[in-house]
Amino acid sequence: MIHQDLQQRGTNLMVKVLQNRIEFFNAGASLVVIECIVDSVPVSSNKNIAEFMYKCSICEERGNGYGKIIEVTRKNELLVPKIESRNNHFTKVVIFAKIPFNMTTKEKL
């Protein structure tokens, strides 16, 4: 909800739980360049919602969410999450289940 483009109509947040991954879909394009997401200055689509959710202990403080995701995936020996923007209509994040190293090729993901 914090990053969703609330001006965009006809789409909602969506989470797909599959056998080997979890996919998150969020309305709107990423506000930061995906390739630089770790080093970017944090930007929120919905600053007021973000502040409220932080005060309610529902979300993290601004700007450290993705770093924590990377830390947890590293500790659990998971692949780095895949982030992609689709036609500026939505952003998709994929978190992969543990995959044997010999199966970690681009073609199999």
C-alpha atoms as a PDB file:
ATOM      1  CA  MET A   1       0.000   0.000   0.000  1.00  0.00           C
ATOM      2  CA  ILE A   2       2.868   2.355   0.716  1.00  0.00           C
ATOM      3  CA  HIS A   3       4.272   2.096  -2.797  1.00  0.00           C
ATOM      4  CA  GLN A   4       1.032   1.588  -4.727  1.00  0.00           C
ATOM      5  CA  ASP A   5      -0.025   4.233  -7.221  1.00  0.00           C
ATOM      6  CA  LEU A   6      -3.456   5.081  -5.806  1.00  0.00           C
ATOM      7  CA  GLN A   7      -4.277   7.201  -8.882  1.00  0.00           C
ATOM      8  CA  GLN A   8      -4.155   4.135 -11.123  1.00  0.00           C
ATOM      9  CA  ARG A   9      -7.544   2.487 -11.621  1.00  0.00           C
ATOM     10  CA  GLY A  10      -8.495  -1.122 -12.389  1.00  0.00           C
ATOM     11  CA  THR A  11      -5.732  -2.881 -10.477  1.00  0.00           C
ATOM     12  CA  ASN A  12      -5.020  -3.899  -6.902  1.00  0.00           C
ATOM     13  CA  LEU A  13      -2.155  -5.269  -4.895  1.00  0.00           C
ATOM     14  CA  MET A  14      -1.684  -8.948  -5.643  1.00  0.00           C
ATOM     15  CA  VAL A  15       0.428 -11.728  -4.122  1.00  0.00           C
ATOM     16  CA  LYS A  16       0.872 -15.090  -5.849  1.00  0.00           C
ATOM     17  CA  VAL A  17       2.285 -17.954  -3.807  1.00  0.00           C
ATOM     18  CA  LEU A  18       3.731 -20.565  -6.152  1.00  0.00           C
ATOM     19  CA  GLN A  19       5.725 -23.741  -5.531  1.00  0.00           C
ATOM     20  CA  ASN A  20       9.159 -22.179  -6.066  1.00  0.00           C
ATOM     21  CA  ARG A  21       8.544 -18.450  -5.547  1.00  0.00           C
ATOM     22  CA  ILE A  22       6.297 -15.688  -4.255  1.00  0.00           C
ATOM     23  CA  GLU A  23       5.337 -12.912  -6.668  1.00  0.00           C
ATOM     24  CA  PHE A  24       4.191  -9.456  -5.529  1.00  0.00           C
ATOM     25  CA  PHE A  25       2.420  -7.103  -7.944  1.00  0.00           C
ATOM     26  CA  ASN A  26       1.932  -3.429  -7.141  1.00  0.00           C
ATOM     27  CA  ALA A  27       0.138  -0.798  -9.224  1.00  0.00           C
ATOM     28  CA  GLY A  28       2.377   1.842 -10.777  1.00  0.00           C
ATOM     29  CA  ALA A  29       5.970   2.047 -11.883  1.00  0.00           C
ATOM     30  CA  SER A  30       8.843   2.129  -9.410  1.00  0.00           C
ATOM     31  CA  LEU A  31       9.676   5.684  -8.367  1.00  0.00           C
ATOM     32  CA  VAL A  32      13.392   4.866  -8.321  1.00  0.00           C
ATOM     33  CA  VAL A  33      15.552   3.251 -10.982  1.00  0.00           C
ATOM     34  CA  ILE A  34      15.304  -0.485 -10.286  1.00  0.00           C
ATOM     35  CA  GLU A  35      18.967  -1.126 -11.088  1.00  0.00           C
ATOM     36  CA  CYS A  36      19.928   1.395  -8.369  1.00  0.00           C
ATOM     37  CA  ILE A  37      17.271   0.518  -5.786  1.00  0.00           C
ATOM     38  CA  VAL A  38      19.785  -0.196  -3.011  1.00  0.00           C
ATOM     39  CA  ASP A  39      21.608   3.135  -3.385  1.00  0.00           C
ATOM     40  CA  SER A  40      18.600   5.343  -4.214  1.00  0.00           C
ATOM     41  CA  VAL A  41      17.128   7.973  -1.958  1.00  0.00           C
ATOM     42  CA  PRO A  42      13.869   6.522  -0.621  1.00  0.00           C
ATOM     43  CA  VAL A  43      10.694   7.771  -2.282  1.00  0.00           C
ATOM     44  CA  SER A  44       7.167   6.884  -1.200  1.00  0.00           C
ATOM     45  CA  SER A  45       4.076   7.165  -3.378  1.00  0.00           C
ATOM     46  CA  ASN A  46       1.938   7.611  -0.282  1.00  0.00           C
ATOM     47  CA  LYS A  47       3.939   9.427   2.378  1.00  0.00           C
ATOM     48  CA  ASN A  48       1.017   9.866   4.785  1.00  0.00           C
ATOM     49  CA  ILE A  49       0.066   6.181   4.613  1.00  0.00           C
ATOM     50  CA  ALA A  50       3.715   5.224   5.095  1.00  0.00           C
ATOM     51  CA  GLU A  51       4.065   7.425   8.177  1.00  0.00           C
ATOM     52  CA  PHE A  52       0.834   6.088   9.675  1.00  0.00           C
ATOM     53  CA  MET A  53       1.805   2.450   9.045  1.00  0.00           C
ATOM     54  CA  TYR A  54       5.246   3.066  10.555  1.00  0.00           C
ATOM     55  CA  LYS A  55       3.691   4.571  13.702  1.00  0.00           C
ATOM     56  CA  CYS A  56       1.459   1.480  13.959  1.00  0.00           C
ATOM     57  CA  SER A  57       4.563  -0.786  13.625  1.00  0.00           C
ATOM     58  CA  ILE A  58       3.189  -2.289  10.405  1.00  0.00           C
ATOM     59  CA  CYS A  59       6.100  -1.269   8.176  1.00  0.00           C
ATOM     60  CA  GLU A  60       9.756  -0.341   8.400  1.00  0.00           C
ATOM     61  CA  GLU A  61      11.205   3.136   8.602  1.00  0.00           C
ATOM     62  CA  ARG A  62      11.572   4.852   5.237  1.00  0.00           C
ATOM     63  CA  GLY A  63      14.311   3.508   3.053  1.00  0.00           C
ATOM     64  CA  ASN A  64      15.444   0.334   4.767  1.00  0.00           C
ATOM     65  CA  GLY A  65      12.874  -2.238   3.589  1.00  0.00           C
ATOM     66  CA  TYR A  66      14.724  -3.512   0.521  1.00  0.00           C
ATOM     67  CA  GLY A  67      18.016  -3.703   2.415  1.00  0.00           C
ATOM     68  CA  LYS A  68      16.353  -5.939   4.996  1.00  0.00           C
ATOM     69  CA  ILE A  69      14.917  -8.155   2.262  1.00  0.00           C
ATOM     70  CA  ILE A  70      18.406  -8.586   0.789  1.00  0.00           C
ATOM     71  CA  GLU A  71      19.847  -9.354   4.234  1.00  0.00           C
ATOM     72  CA  VAL A  72      17.236 -12.033   4.968  1.00  0.00           C
ATOM     73  CA  THR A  73      17.590 -13.681   1.550  1.00  0.00           C
ATOM     74  CA  ARG A  74      21.389 -13.737   1.958  1.00  0.00           C
ATOM     75  CA  LYS A  75      21.188 -15.279   5.446  1.00  0.00           C
ATOM     76  CA  ASN A  76      18.837 -17.955   4.146  1.00  0.00           C
ATOM     77  CA  GLU A  77      20.994 -18.600   1.066  1.00  0.00           C
ATOM     78  CA  LEU A  78      18.231 -17.553  -1.317  1.00  0.00           C
ATOM     79  CA  LEU A  79      18.605 -15.864  -4.676  1.00  0.00           C
ATOM     80  CA  VAL A  80      18.352 -12.086  -4.758  1.00  0.00           C
ATOM     81  CA  PRO A  81      14.752 -10.993  -5.418  1.00  0.00           C
ATOM     82  CA  LYS A  82      13.936 -10.062  -8.998  1.00  0.00           C
ATOM     83  CA  ILE A  83      12.298  -6.655  -9.541  1.00  0.00           C
ATOM     84  CA  GLU A  84      10.782  -5.567 -12.808  1.00  0.00           C
ATOM     85  CA  SER A  85       8.560  -2.763 -14.019  1.00  0.00           C
ATOM     86  CA  ARG A  86       5.877  -3.652 -16.549  1.00  0.00           C
ATOM     87  CA  ASN A  87       4.933  -0.864 -18.986  1.00  0.00           C
ATOM     88  CA  ASN A  88       4.798   1.672 -16.135  1.00  0.00           C
ATOM     89  CA  HIS A  89       1.520   0.020 -15.058  1.00  0.00           C
ATOM     90  CA  PHE A  90       2.824  -2.144 -12.239  1.00  0.00           C
ATOM     91  CA  THR A  91       5.951  -3.331 -10.488  1.00  0.00           C
ATOM     92  CA  LYS A  92       6.599  -7.028  -9.900  1.00  0.00           C
ATOM     93  CA  VAL A  93       8.904  -8.443  -7.220  1.00  0.00           C
ATOM     94  CA  VAL A  94       9.735 -12.153  -7.132  1.00  0.00           C
ATOM     95  CA  ILE A  95      11.226 -13.848  -4.072  1.00  0.00           C
ATOM     96  CA  PHE A  96      12.513 -17.304  -4.909  1.00  0.00           C
ATOM     97  CA  ALA A  97      12.451 -20.425  -2.765  1.00  0.00           C
ATOM     98  CA  LYS A  98      15.745 -22.153  -2.019  1.00  0.00           C
ATOM     99  CA  ILE A  99      17.091 -23.558  -5.274  1.00  0.00           C
ATOM    100  CA  PRO A 100      20.048 -25.955  -5.599  1.00  0.00           C
ATOM    101  CA  PHE A 101      23.080 -24.100  -6.967  1.00  0.00           C
ATOM    102  CA  ASN A 102      23.329 -26.296 -10.062  1.00  0.00           C
ATOM    103  CA  MET A 103      19.851 -25.121 -11.090  1.00  0.00           C
ATOM    104  CA  THR A 104      20.566 -21.386 -10.817  1.00  0.00           C
ATOM    105  CA  THR A 105      20.776 -20.420 -14.452  1.00  0.00           C
ATOM    106  CA  LYS A 106      18.924 -17.528 -16.067  1.00  0.00           C
ATOM    107  CA  GLU A 107      17.089 -19.951 -18.342  1.00  0.00           C
ATOM    108  CA  LYS A 108      15.579 -21.893 -15.409  1.00  0.00           C
ATOM    109  CA  LEU A 109      14.327 -18.793 -13.578  1.00  0.00           C
END
